[in-house]
C-alpha atoms as a PDB file:
ATOM      1  CA  MET A   1       0.000   0.000   0.000  1.00  0.00           C
ATOM      2  CA  ALA A   2       2.801   2.399   0.864  1.00  0.00           C
ATOM      3  CA  SER A   3       4.432   2.006  -2.536  1.00  0.00           C
ATOM      4  CA  GLN A   4       1.101   2.539  -4.301  1.00  0.00           C
ATOM      5  CA  GLU A   5       0.537   5.784  -2.421  1.00  0.00           C
ATOM      6  CA  ASN A   6       4.002   6.991  -3.368  1.00  0.00           C
ATOM      7  CA  ASP A   7       3.253   6.303  -7.039  1.00  0.00           C
ATOM      8  CA  ARG A   8       0.119   8.458  -7.051  1.00  0.00           C
ATOM      9  CA  PRO A   9       0.343  11.859  -8.756  1.00  0.00           C
ATOM     10  CA  GLN A  10       0.784  14.666  -6.241  1.00  0.00           C
ATOM     11  CA  SER A  11      -1.056  17.954  -6.276  1.00  0.00           C
ATOM     12  CA  ALA A  12       0.761  21.076  -7.413  1.00  0.00           C
ATOM     13  CA  ASN A  13       0.594  22.507  -3.875  1.00  0.00           C
ATOM     14  CA  ALA A  14       2.108  19.335  -2.394  1.00  0.00           C
ATOM     15  CA  VAL A  15       4.956  19.463  -4.869  1.00  0.00           C
ATOM     16  CA  LYS A  16       5.586  23.127  -4.089  1.00  0.00           C
ATOM     17  CA  ARG A  17       5.696  22.422  -0.337  1.00  0.00           C
ATOM     18  CA  LYS A  18       8.219  19.605  -0.798  1.00  0.00           C
ATOM     19  CA  SER A  19      10.384  21.578  -3.200  1.00  0.00           C
ATOM     20  CA  LYS A  20      10.462  24.740  -1.091  1.00  0.00           C
ATOM     21  CA  GLY A  21      14.008  25.696  -0.189  1.00  0.00           C
ATOM     22  CA  LYS A  22      15.508  23.197  -2.651  1.00  0.00           C
ATOM     23  CA  LYS A  23      17.018  23.619  -6.088  1.00  0.00           C
ATOM     24  CA  LYS A  24      14.588  23.509  -8.965  1.00  0.00           C
ATOM     25  CA  VAL A  25      14.148  19.949 -10.199  1.00  0.00           C
ATOM     26  CA  SER A  26      12.029  18.255 -12.808  1.00  0.00           C
ATOM     27  CA  GLU A  27      11.796  14.779 -14.229  1.00  0.00           C
ATOM     28  CA  THR A  28      11.849  13.330 -17.684  1.00  0.00           C
ATOM     29  CA  THR A  29       9.670  10.408 -18.688  1.00  0.00           C
ATOM     30  CA  GLY A  30      10.903   7.067 -17.373  1.00  0.00           C
ATOM     31  CA  THR A  31      13.461   8.512 -14.982  1.00  0.00           C
ATOM     32  CA  GLN A  32      13.600   9.488 -11.365  1.00  0.00           C
ATOM     33  CA  SER A  33      13.623  13.112 -10.295  1.00  0.00           C
ATOM     34  CA  GLN A  34      16.661  14.995 -11.511  1.00  0.00           C
ATOM     35  CA  LYS A  35      17.885  18.542 -12.110  1.00  0.00           C
ATOM     36  CA  PHE A  36      16.290  20.507 -14.921  1.00  0.00           C
ATOM     37  CA  ILE A  37      17.898  19.453 -18.209  1.00  0.00           C
ATOM     38  CA  GLU A  38      18.008  21.615 -21.307  1.00  0.00           C
ATOM     39  CA  VAL A  39      16.392  20.308 -24.495  1.00  0.00           C
ATOM     40  CA  GLY A  40      19.010  19.034 -26.930  1.00  0.00           C
ATOM     41  CA  THR A  41      21.352  17.742 -24.228  1.00  0.00           C
ATOM     42  CA  LEU A  42      21.679  14.277 -22.668  1.00  0.00           C
ATOM     43  CA  ASP A  43      20.088  13.203 -19.397  1.00  0.00           C
ATOM     44  CA  ALA A  44      21.765  11.102 -16.682  1.00  0.00           C
ATOM     45  CA  LEU A  45      21.037   7.921 -18.664  1.00  0.00           C
ATOM     46  CA  GLY A  46      22.567   9.271 -21.851  1.00  0.00           C
ATOM     47  CA  ARG A  47      19.233   9.885 -23.587  1.00  0.00           C
ATOM     48  CA  LEU A  48      18.583  12.865 -25.830  1.00  0.00           C
ATOM     49  CA  VAL A  49      16.150  15.318 -24.194  1.00  0.00           C
ATOM     50  CA  ILE A  50      13.556  16.421 -26.760  1.00  0.00           C
ATOM     51  CA  ALA A  51      10.442  18.607 -26.930  1.00  0.00           C
ATOM     52  CA  PRO A  52       7.594  19.015 -29.463  1.00  0.00           C
ATOM     53  CA  ALA A  53       8.256  21.524 -32.246  1.00  0.00           C
ATOM     54  CA  ASP A  54       5.680  24.011 -33.537  1.00  0.00           C
ATOM     55  CA  THR A  55       5.246  21.785 -36.591  1.00  0.00           C
ATOM     56  CA  ILE A  56       4.855  18.005 -36.639  1.00  0.00           C
ATOM     57  CA  GLY A  57       8.349  17.305 -35.400  1.00  0.00           C
ATOM     58  CA  PHE A  58      10.757  17.428 -32.471  1.00  0.00           C
ATOM     59  CA  ILE A  59      13.448  19.709 -31.135  1.00  0.00           C
ATOM     60  CA  PRO A  60      16.240  18.990 -31.985  1.00  0.00           C
ATOM     61  CA  ASP A  61      14.865  17.790 -35.323  1.00  0.00           C
ATOM     62  CA  TYR A  62      17.902  16.187 -36.986  1.00  0.00           C
ATOM     63  CA  LEU A  63      19.032  14.121 -33.990  1.00  0.00           C
ATOM     64  CA  SER A  64      15.503  12.978 -33.112  1.00  0.00           C
ATOM     65  CA  ALA A  65      14.862  11.961 -36.744  1.00  0.00           C
ATOM     66  CA  ASN A  66      17.942   9.732 -36.559  1.00  0.00           C
ATOM     67  CA  VAL A  67      16.567   8.075 -33.422  1.00  0.00           C
ATOM     68  CA  ILE A  68      13.192   7.502 -35.115  1.00  0.00           C
ATOM     69  CA  MET A  69      14.915   5.849 -38.073  1.00  0.00           C
ATOM     70  CA  ASP A  70      16.981   3.735 -35.685  1.00  0.00           C
ATOM     71  CA  SER A  71      13.737   2.613 -33.998  1.00  0.00           C
ATOM     72  CA  ILE A  72      12.367   1.506 -37.370  1.00  0.00           C
ATOM     73  CA  VAL A  73      15.543  -0.363 -38.311  1.00  0.00           C
ATOM     74  CA  SER A  74      15.742  -2.121 -34.933  1.00  0.00           C
ATOM     75  CA  CYS A  75      12.174  -3.429 -35.131  1.00  0.00           C
ATOM     76  CA  TYR A  76      11.648  -4.103 -38.850  1.00  0.00           C
ATOM     77  CA  ARG A  77      11.165  -7.877 -38.601  1.00  0.00           C
ATOM     78  CA  ASP A  78       8.898  -8.735 -41.533  1.00  0.00           C
ATOM     79  CA  ALA A  79       8.370  -7.786 -45.184  1.00  0.00           C
ATOM     80  CA  TRP A  80       6.083  -4.852 -44.422  1.00  0.00           C
ATOM     81  CA  SER A  81       5.575  -2.710 -47.504  1.00  0.00           C
ATOM     82  CA  SER A  82       4.034   0.234 -45.626  1.00  0.00           C
ATOM     83  CA  TRP A  83       3.309   1.512 -42.109  1.00  0.00           C
ATOM     84  CA  GLY A  84      -0.262   0.244 -42.406  1.00  0.00           C
ATOM     85  CA  GLU A  85       1.033  -3.341 -42.479  1.00  0.00           C
ATOM     86  CA  VAL A  86       3.068  -3.029 -39.277  1.00  0.00           C
ATOM     87  CA  PRO A  87       1.217  -4.822 -36.431  1.00  0.00           C
ATOM     88  CA  VAL A  88       0.357  -2.847 -33.299  1.00  0.00           C
ATOM     89  CA  TYR A  89       2.767  -4.968 -31.254  1.00  0.00           C
ATOM     90  CA  ASP A  90       5.712  -4.045 -33.479  1.00  0.00           C
ATOM     91  CA  ARG A  91       4.704  -0.367 -33.475  1.00  0.00           C
ATOM     92  CA  GLU A  92       4.833  -0.498 -29.702  1.00  0.00           C
ATOM     93  CA  GLN A  93       8.311  -2.055 -29.863  1.00  0.00           C
ATOM     94  CA  MET A  94       9.464   0.865 -32.015  1.00  0.00           C
ATOM     95  CA  TRP A  95       7.988   3.263 -29.462  1.00  0.00           C
ATOM     96  CA  ASN A  96       9.714   1.421 -26.610  1.00  0.00           C
ATOM     97  CA  HIS A  97      13.038   1.584 -28.447  1.00  0.00           C
ATOM     98  CA  PHE A  98      12.547   5.318 -28.999  1.00  0.00           C
ATOM     99  CA  LYS A  99      12.004   5.784 -25.256  1.00  0.00           C
ATOM    100  CA  THR A 100      15.361   4.166 -24.506  1.00  0.00           C
ATOM    101  CA  GLN A 101      17.099   6.768 -26.667  1.00  0.00           C
ATOM    102  CA  CYS A 102      15.081   9.924 -25.951  1.00  0.00           C
ATOM    103  CA  ALA A 103      13.583  11.559 -22.856  1.00  0.00           C
ATOM    104  CA  TRP A 104      11.091  14.382 -22.333  1.00  0.00           C
ATOM    105  CA  TYR A 105       9.108  16.101 -19.629  1.00  0.00           C
ATOM    106  CA  PRO A 106       5.789  14.518 -18.539  1.00  0.00           C
ATOM    107  CA  GLN A 107       3.577  17.307 -19.894  1.00  0.00           C
ATOM    108  CA  TYR A 108       4.698  16.397 -23.431  1.00  0.00           C
ATOM    109  CA  GLU A 109       3.947  12.663 -23.171  1.00  0.00           C
ATOM    110  CA  PHE A 110       0.803  12.489 -25.355  1.00  0.00           C
ATOM    111  CA  HIS A 111       2.099  14.996 -27.900  1.00  0.00           C
ATOM    112  CA  ILE A 112       5.420  13.157 -28.172  1.00  0.00           C
ATOM    113  CA  PHE A 113       3.661   9.828 -28.728  1.00  0.00           C
ATOM    114  CA  CYS A 114       1.389  11.204 -31.471  1.00  0.00           C
ATOM    115  CA  THR A 115       4.269  12.971 -33.182  1.00  0.00           C
ATOM    116  CA  PHE A 116       6.416   9.840 -32.989  1.00  0.00           C
ATOM    117  CA  GLU A 117       3.821   7.712 -34.781  1.00  0.00           C
ATOM    118  CA  ILE A 118       3.228  10.354 -37.462  1.00  0.00           C
ATOM    119  CA  ASN A 119       6.938  10.711 -38.173  1.00  0.00           C
ATOM    120  CA  THR A 120       7.630   6.974 -38.006  1.00  0.00           C
ATOM    121  CA  ALA A 121       4.870   6.266 -40.528  1.00  0.00           C
ATOM    122  CA  PHE A 122       6.173   8.988 -42.844  1.00  0.00           C
ATOM    123  CA  LEU A 123       9.819   7.873 -42.667  1.00  0.00           C
ATOM    124  CA  LEU A 124       9.054   4.176 -43.142  1.00  0.00           C
ATOM    125  CA  ASN A 125       6.726   4.773 -46.099  1.00  0.00           C
ATOM    126  CA  LYS A 126       9.143   7.237 -47.697  1.00  0.00           C
ATOM    127  CA  THR A 127      12.110   4.873 -47.271  1.00  0.00           C
ATOM    128  CA  LEU A 128      10.241   1.921 -48.764  1.00  0.00           C
ATOM    129  CA  GLU A 129       8.880   4.048 -51.601  1.00  0.00           C
ATOM    130  CA  SER A 130      12.393   5.224 -52.521  1.00  0.00           C
ATOM    131  CA  ALA A 131      13.656   1.632 -52.391  1.00  0.00           C
ATOM    132  CA  ARG A 132      10.884   0.535 -54.763  1.00  0.00           C
ATOM    133  CA  GLU A 133      11.488   3.360 -57.229  1.00  0.00           C
ATOM    134  CA  MET A 134      15.263   2.767 -57.296  1.00  0.00           C
ATOM    135  CA  ASN A 135      14.888  -1.018 -57.028  1.00  0.00           C
ATOM    136  CA  GLU A 136      17.649  -0.935 -54.447  1.00  0.00           C
ATOM    137  CA  LYS A 137      17.674  -2.589 -51.025  1.00  0.00           C
ATOM    138  CA  PRO A 138      18.134  -0.236 -48.053  1.00  0.00           C
ATOM    139  CA  ASP A 139      21.496  -0.859 -46.356  1.00  0.00           C
ATOM    140  CA  TRP A 140      19.850  -1.815 -43.077  1.00  0.00           C
ATOM    141  CA  MET A 141      17.378  -4.357 -44.494  1.00  0.00           C
ATOM    142  CA  LEU A 142      18.113  -8.098 -44.449  1.00  0.00           C
ATOM    143  CA  GLU A 143      18.516  -9.773 -47.849  1.00  0.00           C
ATOM    144  CA  GLY A 144      15.720 -12.219 -47.090  1.00  0.00           C
ATOM    145  CA  LEU A 145      13.232  -9.473 -46.255  1.00  0.00           C
ATOM    146  CA  TRP A 146      14.140  -7.520 -49.373  1.00  0.00           C
ATOM    147  CA  ALA A 147      13.640 -10.625 -51.559  1.00  0.00           C
ATOM    148  CA  ARG A 148      10.195 -11.125 -50.049  1.00  0.00           C
ATOM    149  CA  LEU A 149       9.317  -7.476 -50.629  1.00  0.00           C
ATOM    150  CA  VAL A 150      10.341  -7.730 -54.289  1.00  0.00           C
ATOM    151  CA  GLU A 151       8.308 -10.906 -54.716  1.00  0.00           C
ATOM    152  CA  LYS A 152       5.372  -9.314 -52.949  1.00  0.00           C
ATOM    153  CA  ARG A 153       5.577  -6.202 -55.101  1.00  0.00           C
ATOM    154  CA  THR A 154       5.598  -8.121 -58.373  1.00  0.00           C
ATOM    155  CA  SER A 155       2.810 -10.518 -57.483  1.00  0.00           C
ATOM    156  CA  GLU A 156      -0.667  -9.950 -58.866  1.00  0.00           C
ATOM    157  CA  LYS A 157      -2.097 -10.042 -55.364  1.00  0.00           C
ATOM    158  CA  PHE A 158      -0.045  -6.992 -54.406  1.00  0.00           C
ATOM    159  CA  GLN A 159      -0.806  -4.832 -57.450  1.00  0.00           C
ATOM    160  CA  LYS A 160      -3.997  -3.279 -56.080  1.00  0.00           C
ATOM    161  CA  PRO A 161      -2.885  -2.648 -52.456  1.00  0.00           C
ATOM    162  CA  SER A 162       0.332  -1.061 -53.766  1.00  0.00           C
ATOM    163  CA  ILE A 163      -1.675   2.003 -54.790  1.00  0.00           C
ATOM    164  CA  GLN A 164      -2.273   2.749 -51.106  1.00  0.00           C
ATOM    165  CA  ALA A 165       1.403   2.206 -50.286  1.00  0.00           C
ATOM    166  CA  LYS A 166       2.314   4.982 -52.732  1.00  0.00           C
ATOM    167  CA  ALA A 167      -0.109   7.418 -51.086  1.00  0.00           C
ATOM    168  CA  PRO A 168       2.499   9.466 -49.149  1.00  0.00           C
ATOM    169  CA  GLY A 169       4.450  10.263 -52.327  1.00  0.00           C
ATOM    170  CA  THR A 170       1.261  10.933 -54.272  1.00  0.00           C
ATOM    171  CA  ARG A 171       0.023  13.254 -51.524  1.00  0.00           C
ATOM    172  CA  GLN A 172       3.276  15.207 -51.572  1.00  0.00           C
ATOM    173  CA  ARG A 173       3.223  15.609 -55.354  1.00  0.00           C
ATOM    174  CA  LYS A 174      -0.387  16.829 -55.276  1.00  0.00           C
ATOM    175  CA  LEU A 175       0.373  19.336 -52.526  1.00  0.00           C
ATOM    176  CA  GLU A 176       3.441  20.617 -54.361  1.00  0.00           C
ATOM    177  CA  LYS A 177       1.421  21.026 -57.544  1.00  0.00           C
ATOM    178  CA  LYS A 178      -1.365  22.801 -55.673  1.00  0.00           C
ATOM    179  CA  LYS A 179       0.952  25.194 -53.825  1.00  0.00           C
ATOM    180  CA  ARG A 180       3.395  25.493 -56.747  1.00  0.00           C
ATOM    181  CA  ARG A 181       6.445  24.900 -54.586  1.00  0.00           C
ATOM    182  CA  THR A 182       8.429  22.113 -52.934  1.00  0.00           C
ATOM    183  CA  MET A 183       6.826  20.812 -49.739  1.00  0.00           C
ATOM    184  CA  THR A 184       8.946  19.944 -46.715  1.00  0.00           C
ATOM    185  CA  TYR A 185       8.602  16.787 -44.639  1.00  0.00           C
ATOM    186  CA  ASP A 186       6.865  18.665 -41.798  1.00  0.00           C
ATOM    187  CA  GLU A 187       4.473  20.462 -44.147  1.00  0.00           C
ATOM    188  CA  VAL A 188       3.242  17.237 -45.736  1.00  0.00           C
ATOM    189  CA  SER A 189       2.679  15.672 -42.308  1.00  0.00           C
ATOM    190  CA  ARG A 190       0.942  18.819 -41.066  1.00  0.00           C
ATOM    191  CA  GLU A 191      -1.481  18.868 -44.016  1.00  0.00           C
ATOM    192  CA  LYS A 192      -2.450  15.267 -43.270  1.00  0.00           C
ATOM    193  CA  HIS A 193      -2.515  15.168 -39.487  1.00  0.00           C
ATOM    194  CA  VAL A 194      -3.515  18.657 -38.355  1.00  0.00           C
ATOM    195  CA  LYS A 195      -7.005  20.083 -38.658  1.00  0.00           C
ATOM    196  CA  ILE A 196      -7.701  23.810 -38.426  1.00  0.00           C
ATOM    197  CA  LYS A 197     -10.641  24.642 -36.185  1.00  0.00           C
ATOM    198  CA  LYS A 198     -13.078  27.448 -36.950  1.00  0.00           C
ATOM    199  CA  ASN A 199     -11.372  29.657 -34.377  1.00  0.00           C
ATOM    200  CA  GLY A 200      -8.101  29.343 -36.289  1.00  0.00           C
ATOM    201  CA  HIS A 201      -6.381  27.038 -33.793  1.00  0.00           C
ATOM    202  CA  ASN A 202      -4.738  23.800 -34.872  1.00  0.00           C
ATOM    203  CA  THR A 203      -5.672  20.442 -33.412  1.00  0.00           C
ATOM    204  CA  LEU A 204      -3.637  17.256 -33.709  1.00  0.00           C
ATOM    205  CA  VAL A 205      -5.347  14.193 -35.199  1.00  0.00           C
ATOM    206  CA  GLU A 206      -4.522  11.158 -33.062  1.00  0.00           C
ATOM    207  CA  PRO A 207      -2.498   8.688 -35.184  1.00  0.00           C
ATOM    208  CA  HIS A 208      -3.986   5.573 -33.583  1.00  0.00           C
ATOM    209  CA  ALA A 209      -7.289   6.476 -35.256  1.00  0.00           C
ATOM    210  CA  GLU A 210      -5.632   5.541 -38.557  1.00  0.00           C
ATOM    211  CA  ARG A 211      -4.656   2.050 -37.480  1.00  0.00           C
ATOM    212  CA  LYS A 212      -6.358  -0.682 -39.443  1.00  0.00           C
END
C-alpha cells in the first residue's frame, strides 16, 4: 500500500511544499527526479532530451529523426511494404526503443507519442517508396526481407494494395502542384494530421485512429 501511495500523482501545492528551499528539479519520462535538463542535451542515462516543435516534429529535429529511423531499423522484422502493415505490437516495440534513446518532460507525453507515430509512418513509407522506385535494397534491411518485398511487389495479389502504399508520395506531389512549390517533410505531415478549427487554432489528429 505504501508504494502505491508513493506512485500516485501529487497535487501542485504538495509538490511546491516539498520543493520549497531546494534547487529547482524536474523529471523526464521514465526517470527518477533529476535537475532541470536543457532540451538538446543528454540526461543522466545518456538519452537525448527532446520537446515538441511548432510543426509536426521534435526539437532537436535532426538528432531525433535519426533516433526515429533507428527505432524503425531495430524493429523491422517482416516484409512490411508500408506503415499500415506493421502490427500494433511491433509499433509499440518501435515506441519502446525510442524511449530508450530519448527523454522528455511529462507534460509532453501524449504529444510526443502522437508525433512519434506520425513521423515513423512517414519515414518508413518514404524509405520503402524510394527503395521501390530505385529497385535498391536499403542498407539496413536483411537480404531475405528484401527478396520477399520484391516478390510481394511483383505478385498480382499486391498490385492493387500497392496504390495505397504509394499514397504518401502521391500526396506530396499533389500538394506541391497545388501550392506550386516544394513541400517539406513537416508540411506534408501537417497537411495530413492537423485540422484547423473554426477559431483558427490547430488540433492534432490522433495517429492511432488511422490504425487498421
